[in-house]
Amino acid sequence: MLIFTDLDGTLLDHATYSWEGAARTVARIREERVPLIFATSKTRAEVERIQAALDIRDPFVVENGGAVFFPEDYFGTACREGDRLPPYRRIRMGETYAEIRAFVAEMKGRFPIRGFGDLETAEIAELTGLSVEQAALARTREFSEPFLIADPSGLPDLEAEAARRDLKVTSGGRFHHLIGAGQDKGRAVRKLLGLYARFCGRVRRSVAIGDSRNDLPMLGEVDQPVLIPRPDGTREDIRLPNLIIAPYPGSTGWSAVVDRILSGGKGDHDNRRDERWRRRTVS
């Protein structure tokens, strides 16, 4: 089994960014050696911090599919996918931040937009509820630009202009995001599913967990999609085969669904018996 998950509003609570409600389930995932793969709008620096806190060493997807990172030896020495960026191999799937920022700078004369590159760290902290230290990590963009638009009625025109430049706009829980036109979480998940199949053997079951529209491509790539509701109990109008709706928002709902999936797998998820999987999920 593979578990792909969004972070904000999903494994992490929307307001506090806490994973406390899922801590026991994450420990179970580690014990059963199920790869837990973050697929998020967050930056590499942010993901590294969360992985370290949760003792997770699996691949991860950053900035809404901008790149896939995995430890250099994770899939064995035969894997030459992507570029070496010690201690990782990186598969870049999006445009560079410099290219996206150039577009933002040009569009600011036509649209009332402000991207992360236009904001001070303290402003980002205030807008997001992150600490100043966490907000500084959120500014270390490589493949995308979160932004605010003062007049949302201009968003369709901005989207059309972005499309003409091989870019697109996606919407998350707090911000819109400018990313490469061919970039999304689904494409990154598809790439990782292929790598696991090639280098680790058959993937018995794939799960993906998200809460917003930008998670839809990822949810559509797996056997078991899971949708987490918003804190007010509403949810995105997403319809997919086999879709599970979590009973609660945030980490508590995440934990409830993942525990149910793990317990209902009749052992198929447990990778402890297979050396090809075991060596990739322990230090």
Protein backbone atom coordinates (compact mmCIF):
# COMPACT_ATOMS: atom_id res chain seq x y z
CA MET A 1 0.00 0.00 0.00
CA LEU A 2 1.00 3.58 -0.67
CA ILE A 3 -0.59 6.58 1.05
CA PHE A 4 -0.36 9.99 -0.63
CA THR A 5 -1.58 12.92 1.41
CA ASP A 6 -2.05 16.64 1.23
CA LEU A 7 -0.95 18.51 4.37
CA ASP A 8 -2.81 21.76 5.11
CA GLY A 9 -6.37 21.05 6.23
CA THR A 10 -5.75 17.33 5.89
CA LEU A 11 -2.95 15.73 7.91
CA LEU A 12 -2.44 19.20 9.45
CA ASP A 13 -5.35 21.03 11.06
CA HIS A 14 -6.43 24.10 9.07
CA ALA A 15 -6.04 26.75 11.78
CA THR A 16 -3.22 25.38 13.96
CA TYR A 17 -1.19 23.26 11.49
CA SER A 18 -1.12 20.58 14.20
CA TRP A 19 -0.91 16.88 13.38
CA GLU A 20 -1.67 15.86 16.96
CA GLY A 21 -4.96 14.24 16.00
CA ALA A 22 -3.12 11.90 13.62
CA ALA A 23 0.04 11.21 15.65
CA ARG A 24 -1.01 7.72 16.72
CA THR A 25 -1.98 6.75 13.17
CA VAL A 26 1.29 8.08 11.73
CA ALA A 27 3.13 5.92 14.28
CA ARG A 28 1.10 2.92 13.08
CA ILE A 29 1.97 3.70 9.47
CA ARG A 30 5.67 3.75 10.36
CA GLU A 31 5.34 0.49 12.29
CA GLU A 32 3.63 -1.24 9.36
CA ARG A 33 6.13 0.33 6.93
CA VAL A 34 3.56 1.84 4.64
CA PRO A 35 5.12 4.68 2.63
CA LEU A 36 3.52 8.01 3.59
CA ILE A 37 4.07 10.42 0.71
CA PHE A 38 3.32 14.10 1.20
CA ALA A 39 1.86 15.85 -1.87
CA THR A 40 1.43 19.46 -0.94
CA SER A 41 1.59 23.11 -1.96
CA LYS A 42 4.31 23.54 0.66
CA THR A 43 7.98 24.07 -0.16
CA ARG A 44 10.77 21.55 0.15
CA ALA A 45 12.05 23.31 3.29
CA GLU A 46 8.62 23.10 4.91
CA VAL A 47 8.20 19.43 4.04
CA GLU A 48 11.66 18.53 5.33
CA ARG A 49 10.78 20.07 8.69
CA ILE A 50 7.51 18.12 8.95
CA GLN A 51 9.11 14.86 7.80
CA ALA A 52 11.81 15.22 10.45
CA ALA A 53 9.23 15.86 13.17
CA LEU A 54 7.19 12.79 12.13
CA ASP A 55 10.24 10.60 11.40
CA ILE A 56 9.16 10.07 7.77
CA ARG A 57 11.78 9.31 5.09
CA ASP A 58 9.62 8.63 2.06
CA PRO A 59 9.42 10.56 -1.25
CA PHE A 60 7.47 13.81 -1.32
CA VAL A 61 5.83 16.13 -3.84
CA VAL A 62 6.20 19.89 -3.38
CA GLU A 63 4.45 23.03 -4.61
CA ASN A 64 1.40 21.39 -6.18
CA GLY A 65 3.37 18.94 -8.27
CA GLY A 66 6.33 21.18 -9.09
CA ALA A 67 8.83 18.44 -8.28
CA VAL A 68 9.20 14.97 -6.79
CA PHE A 69 12.00 14.40 -4.30
CA PHE A 70 13.22 11.07 -2.93
CA PRO A 71 16.37 9.94 -1.06
CA GLU A 72 19.13 9.01 -3.51
CA ASP A 73 19.17 5.33 -2.52
CA TYR A 74 15.42 4.97 -1.94
CA PHE A 75 14.66 3.02 -5.12
CA GLY A 76 18.11 1.43 -5.30
CA THR A 77 21.16 2.18 -7.40
CA ALA A 78 19.41 1.22 -10.65
CA CYS A 79 17.11 4.24 -10.44
CA ARG A 80 18.46 7.17 -12.45
CA GLU A 81 15.26 9.19 -12.67
CA GLY A 82 15.67 12.94 -12.38
CA ASP A 83 18.70 14.90 -11.25
CA ARG A 84 21.03 14.31 -8.32
CA LEU A 85 20.50 16.95 -5.67
CA PRO A 86 22.11 15.34 -2.61
CA PRO A 87 20.70 13.91 -0.44
CA TYR A 88 17.91 13.52 -3.01
CA ARG A 89 17.11 12.74 -6.55
CA ARG A 90 14.74 15.37 -7.92
CA ILE A 91 12.30 15.07 -10.81
CA ARG A 92 11.30 18.58 -11.85
CA MET A 93 7.81 18.77 -13.32
CA GLY A 94 7.08 22.49 -13.28
CA GLU A 95 8.43 25.88 -14.30
CA THR A 96 11.13 27.62 -12.31
CA TYR A 97 10.24 30.20 -9.69
CA ALA A 98 12.13 32.88 -11.61
CA GLU A 99 9.92 32.31 -14.66
CA ILE A 100 6.74 32.48 -12.60
CA ARG A 101 7.87 35.60 -10.72
CA ALA A 102 8.62 37.33 -14.02
CA PHE A 103 5.01 36.70 -15.05
CA VAL A 104 3.70 38.03 -11.72
CA ALA A 105 5.79 41.19 -12.06
CA GLU A 106 4.35 41.78 -15.52
CA MET A 107 0.76 41.12 -14.47
CA LYS A 108 0.86 43.41 -11.43
CA GLY A 109 0.30 46.36 -13.74
CA ARG A 110 -2.98 44.84 -14.94
CA PHE A 111 -4.33 42.90 -11.97
CA PRO A 112 -4.42 43.68 -8.22
CA ILE A 113 -2.31 40.67 -7.25
CA ARG A 114 0.31 40.15 -4.58
CA GLY A 115 2.45 37.03 -4.50
CA PHE A 116 4.62 35.64 -1.73
CA GLY A 117 7.57 37.32 -3.40
CA ASP A 118 5.88 40.70 -2.80
CA LEU A 119 5.17 40.08 0.88
CA GLU A 120 7.35 40.40 3.94
CA THR A 121 7.78 37.30 6.07
CA ALA A 122 5.75 38.91 8.87
CA GLU A 123 2.86 39.52 6.44
CA ILE A 124 2.86 35.88 5.36
CA ALA A 125 2.83 34.82 9.00
CA GLU A 126 -0.17 37.06 9.70
CA LEU A 127 -2.10 35.85 6.64
CA THR A 128 -1.46 32.16 7.25
CA GLY A 129 -1.22 31.81 11.02
CA LEU A 130 2.28 30.38 10.64
CA SER A 131 5.06 31.41 12.97
CA VAL A 132 7.61 33.83 11.51
CA GLU A 133 10.08 30.94 11.28
CA GLN A 134 7.57 28.78 9.42
CA ALA A 135 6.60 31.68 7.15
CA ALA A 136 10.26 32.11 6.19
CA LEU A 137 10.31 28.47 5.05
CA ALA A 138 7.10 29.06 3.07
CA ARG A 139 8.85 31.82 1.11
CA THR A 140 11.55 29.49 -0.21
CA ARG A 141 9.64 28.83 -3.42
CA GLU A 142 11.15 26.85 -6.30
CA PHE A 143 8.23 26.04 -8.64
CA SER A 144 5.13 28.07 -7.75
CA GLU A 145 3.83 31.38 -6.43
CA PRO A 146 0.92 31.61 -3.98
CA PHE A 147 -0.92 34.88 -4.47
CA LEU A 148 -3.88 37.01 -3.41
CA ILE A 149 -6.07 38.98 -5.79
CA ALA A 150 -7.93 42.00 -4.42
CA ASP A 151 -10.68 41.80 -7.06
CA PRO A 152 -11.63 38.15 -7.69
CA SER A 153 -13.69 39.13 -10.74
CA GLY A 154 -10.39 39.57 -12.58
CA LEU A 155 -9.33 35.98 -11.93
CA PRO A 156 -10.72 34.52 -15.20
CA ASP A 157 -8.77 37.07 -17.25
CA LEU A 158 -5.62 36.34 -15.24
CA GLU A 159 -6.14 32.62 -15.83
CA ALA A 160 -6.45 33.22 -19.57
CA GLU A 161 -3.26 35.28 -19.61
CA ALA A 162 -1.45 32.60 -17.61
CA ALA A 163 -2.56 29.93 -20.10
CA ARG A 164 -1.02 31.94 -22.94
CA ARG A 165 2.31 31.75 -21.08
CA ASP A 166 2.15 28.00 -20.35
CA LEU A 167 1.10 28.66 -16.76
CA LYS A 168 -2.13 28.03 -14.87
CA VAL A 169 -3.90 29.05 -11.67
CA THR A 170 -5.03 26.57 -9.02
CA SER A 171 -6.87 27.35 -5.80
CA GLY A 172 -6.08 25.97 -2.37
CA GLY A 173 -7.45 26.57 1.09
CA ARG A 174 -6.01 30.06 1.57
CA PHE A 175 -4.37 31.22 -1.67
CA HIS A 176 -4.46 30.91 -5.42
CA HIS A 177 -1.27 29.43 -6.89
CA LEU A 178 0.50 30.11 -10.17
CA ILE A 179 2.17 26.96 -11.47
CA GLY A 180 3.35 25.44 -14.75
CA ALA A 181 0.61 24.43 -17.20
CA GLY A 182 1.68 20.78 -17.19
CA GLN A 183 2.09 20.58 -13.45
CA ASP A 184 -0.28 19.07 -10.89
CA LYS A 185 -0.29 16.62 -8.02
CA GLY A 186 -1.82 13.91 -10.19
CA ARG A 187 1.06 13.85 -12.64
CA ALA A 188 3.55 13.63 -9.76
CA VAL A 189 1.60 10.82 -8.11
CA ARG A 190 1.47 8.94 -11.42
CA LYS A 191 5.26 9.24 -11.71
CA LEU A 192 5.78 7.86 -8.21
CA LEU A 193 3.34 4.99 -8.73
CA GLY A 194 5.42 4.01 -11.75
CA LEU A 195 8.67 4.16 -9.79
CA TYR A 196 7.30 2.01 -6.98
CA ALA A 197 5.99 -0.55 -9.48
CA ARG A 198 9.34 -0.70 -11.31
CA PHE A 199 11.66 -0.84 -8.34
CA CYS A 200 9.57 -2.22 -5.45
CA GLY A 201 7.15 -4.63 -7.09
CA ARG A 202 3.38 -4.59 -7.36
CA VAL A 203 1.55 -1.80 -5.55
CA ARG A 204 -1.38 -3.64 -3.98
CA ARG A 205 -3.37 -0.52 -3.16
CA SER A 206 -2.93 3.23 -3.50
CA VAL A 207 -4.66 5.81 -1.31
CA ALA A 208 -4.75 9.61 -1.64
CA ILE A 209 -6.16 12.10 0.84
CA GLY A 210 -7.00 15.74 0.13
CA ASP A 211 -9.40 18.55 0.93
CA SER A 212 -9.45 21.04 -1.97
CA ARG A 213 -9.80 21.34 -5.74
CA ASN A 214 -6.07 21.23 -6.33
CA ASP A 215 -6.08 17.71 -4.85
CA LEU A 216 -8.53 16.40 -7.47
CA PRO A 217 -5.86 15.28 -9.99
CA MET A 218 -4.13 13.30 -7.22
CA LEU A 219 -7.37 11.75 -5.98
CA GLY A 220 -8.16 10.63 -9.51
CA GLU A 221 -4.92 8.64 -9.84
CA VAL A 222 -5.39 6.19 -6.96
CA ASP A 223 -7.50 3.18 -6.02
CA GLN A 224 -8.90 4.83 -2.90
CA PRO A 225 -9.52 8.60 -2.90
CA VAL A 226 -10.38 10.27 0.42
CA LEU A 227 -11.87 13.75 0.86
CA ILE A 228 -11.47 15.65 4.14
CA PRO A 229 -14.23 18.19 4.97
CA ARG A 230 -13.57 21.82 5.84
CA PRO A 231 -13.58 22.95 9.48
CA ASP A 232 -17.19 24.18 9.08
CA GLY A 233 -18.31 20.74 7.89
CA THR A 234 -18.76 21.67 4.23
CA ARG A 235 -16.65 20.02 1.55
CA GLU A 236 -15.57 20.34 -2.05
CA ASP A 237 -18.05 19.01 -4.61
CA ILE A 238 -15.79 16.21 -5.80
CA ARG A 239 -17.23 13.00 -7.23
CA LEU A 240 -15.02 10.02 -7.89
CA PRO A 241 -15.51 6.24 -7.85
CA ASN A 242 -14.95 4.75 -4.38
CA LEU A 243 -14.58 8.19 -2.78
CA ILE A 244 -14.56 8.13 1.02
CA ILE A 245 -15.66 11.27 2.89
CA ALA A 246 -13.89 11.62 6.24
CA PRO A 247 -16.23 12.00 9.24
CA TYR A 248 -14.32 14.97 10.68
CA PRO A 249 -12.08 17.77 9.38
CA GLY A 250 -8.31 17.95 9.75
CA SER A 251 -6.03 15.47 11.42
CA THR A 252 -8.82 13.79 13.41
CA GLY A 253 -10.76 12.92 10.27
CA TRP A 254 -7.53 11.93 8.51
CA SER A 255 -6.70 9.54 11.34
CA ALA A 256 -10.18 8.00 11.43
CA VAL A 257 -10.17 7.19 7.72
CA VAL A 258 -6.58 5.94 7.52
CA ASP A 259 -7.07 3.67 10.54
CA ARG A 260 -10.16 2.24 8.86
CA ILE A 261 -8.31 1.65 5.60
CA LEU A 262 -5.36 0.00 7.34
CA SER A 263 -7.61 -2.24 9.44
CA GLY A 264 -9.71 -3.25 6.44
CA GLY A 265 -6.77 -4.20 4.25
CA LYS A 266 -6.56 -7.79 5.56
CA GLY A 267 -2.78 -7.49 5.71
CA ASP A 268 -2.31 -6.40 2.11
CA HIS A 269 -0.94 -3.05 3.24
CA ASP A 270 1.69 -4.50 5.56
CA ASN A 271 5.09 -4.31 3.85
CA ARG A 272 7.13 -5.79 6.70
CA ARG A 273 7.33 -9.17 4.99
CA ASP A 274 8.83 -7.91 1.75
CA GLU A 275 12.50 -6.91 1.80
CA ARG A 276 12.12 -4.70 -1.28
CA TRP A 277 9.72 -2.51 0.70
CA ARG A 278 11.23 -2.94 4.16
CA ARG A 279 14.62 -1.50 3.27
CA ARG A 280 13.03 1.67 1.87
CA THR A 281 11.00 2.54 4.92
CA VAL A 282 13.46 2.13 7.77
CA SER A 283 16.60 4.05 8.58
